[in-house]
Protein backbone atom coordinates (compact mmCIF):
# COMPACT_ATOMS: atom_id res chain seq x y z
CA ALA A 1 0.00 0.00 0.00
CA ASN A 2 1.14 3.54 -0.74
CA LEU A 3 1.18 5.30 2.62
CA PRO A 4 1.92 9.05 2.72
CA LYS A 5 5.40 9.89 3.92
CA GLU A 6 5.82 12.08 6.94
CA ARG A 7 5.60 15.71 5.94
CA THR A 8 7.38 18.59 7.53
CA PRO A 9 5.04 21.40 8.59
CA LEU A 10 4.79 24.31 6.18
CA LEU A 11 4.41 26.82 8.97
CA GLU A 12 7.37 28.42 10.67
CA ASN A 13 7.93 31.43 12.89
CA VAL A 14 8.68 34.47 10.76
CA LEU A 15 9.51 37.91 12.16
CA VAL A 16 7.42 40.63 10.50
CA ILE A 17 6.45 44.26 10.96
CA PRO A 18 3.42 45.97 9.37
CA SER A 19 4.37 47.84 6.22
CA ASP A 20 1.17 49.07 4.57
CA LEU A 21 -2.49 49.47 5.55
CA GLN A 22 -5.22 49.86 2.96
CA LEU A 23 -8.61 51.20 4.00
CA HIS A 24 -11.96 50.27 2.48
CA PRO A 25 -13.02 53.18 0.25
CA VAL A 26 -16.57 53.38 1.63
CA ALA A 27 -16.49 51.94 5.14
CA HIS A 28 -13.04 53.43 5.98
CA SER A 29 -12.19 50.25 7.88
CA ALA A 30 -9.04 48.14 7.50
CA PHE A 31 -9.22 46.32 4.18
CA CYS A 32 -5.74 44.87 3.73
CA LEU A 33 -2.62 44.85 5.88
CA ASN A 34 0.74 43.98 4.35
CA TYR A 35 3.72 42.84 6.35
CA ARG A 36 7.47 43.04 5.77
CA ARG A 37 9.70 40.16 6.82
CA TYR A 38 12.87 41.06 8.72
CA HIS A 39 15.90 39.46 10.30
CA PRO A 40 17.25 41.06 13.51
CA THR A 41 20.84 41.19 12.22
CA LYS A 42 20.09 42.70 8.79
CA PRO A 43 18.98 46.27 8.08
CA ILE A 44 15.67 46.78 6.30
CA ARG A 45 14.72 49.64 4.00
CA LEU A 46 11.47 51.34 4.91
CA PRO A 47 9.81 53.80 2.53
CA LEU A 48 9.30 57.38 3.72
CA ARG A 49 5.86 58.82 3.05
CA PRO A 50 5.14 62.47 3.73
CA ILE A 51 1.93 63.25 5.62
CA ASN A 52 -0.03 66.48 6.10
CA GLU A 53 1.83 68.23 3.27
CA GLU A 54 -1.17 70.48 2.63
CA GLU A 55 -0.96 71.81 6.21
CA SER A 56 2.63 73.03 5.85
CA PRO A 57 2.91 76.86 5.90
CA ALA A 58 5.82 76.69 3.43
CA ILE A 59 3.84 74.62 0.91
CA LYS A 60 0.83 76.93 1.35
CA ARG A 61 3.07 79.82 0.27
CA GLY A 62 4.11 78.02 -2.92
CA GLY A 63 6.99 75.92 -1.64
CA PHE A 64 7.45 72.26 -2.42
CA LEU A 65 8.78 69.12 -0.80
CA LEU A 66 11.88 67.59 -2.34
CA MET A 67 12.55 64.15 -0.92
CA VAL A 68 16.23 63.39 -1.40
CA ASN A 69 15.98 60.00 0.29
CA LYS A 70 12.85 57.94 -0.32
CA PHE A 71 13.91 55.17 2.07
CA VAL A 72 15.46 54.90 5.51
CA GLU A 73 17.53 51.92 6.64
CA CYS A 74 17.02 50.64 10.16
CA LEU A 75 17.62 47.64 12.35
CA VAL A 76 14.64 46.11 14.11
CA GLU A 77 15.39 44.41 17.41
CA GLU A 78 14.05 40.93 17.85
CA GLY A 79 10.76 40.98 19.73
CA ALA A 80 10.40 44.76 19.48
């Protein structure tokens, strides 16, 4: 008889941090949450996203935001 071989579990502990939240367009509730995998000894690149640009006095007077760096590298401590 063909008996199934022992299988190793597909699940493993993976360290993640939330990276992006999408809201439902009508209900304004959480629709999708994406995660980014990390390793405590390796730096990760996180995207920088400006917020409240329209509230800036400089932008209200015709200024603009020039993002030189679009990412920041950081180390995430294990269990943080």
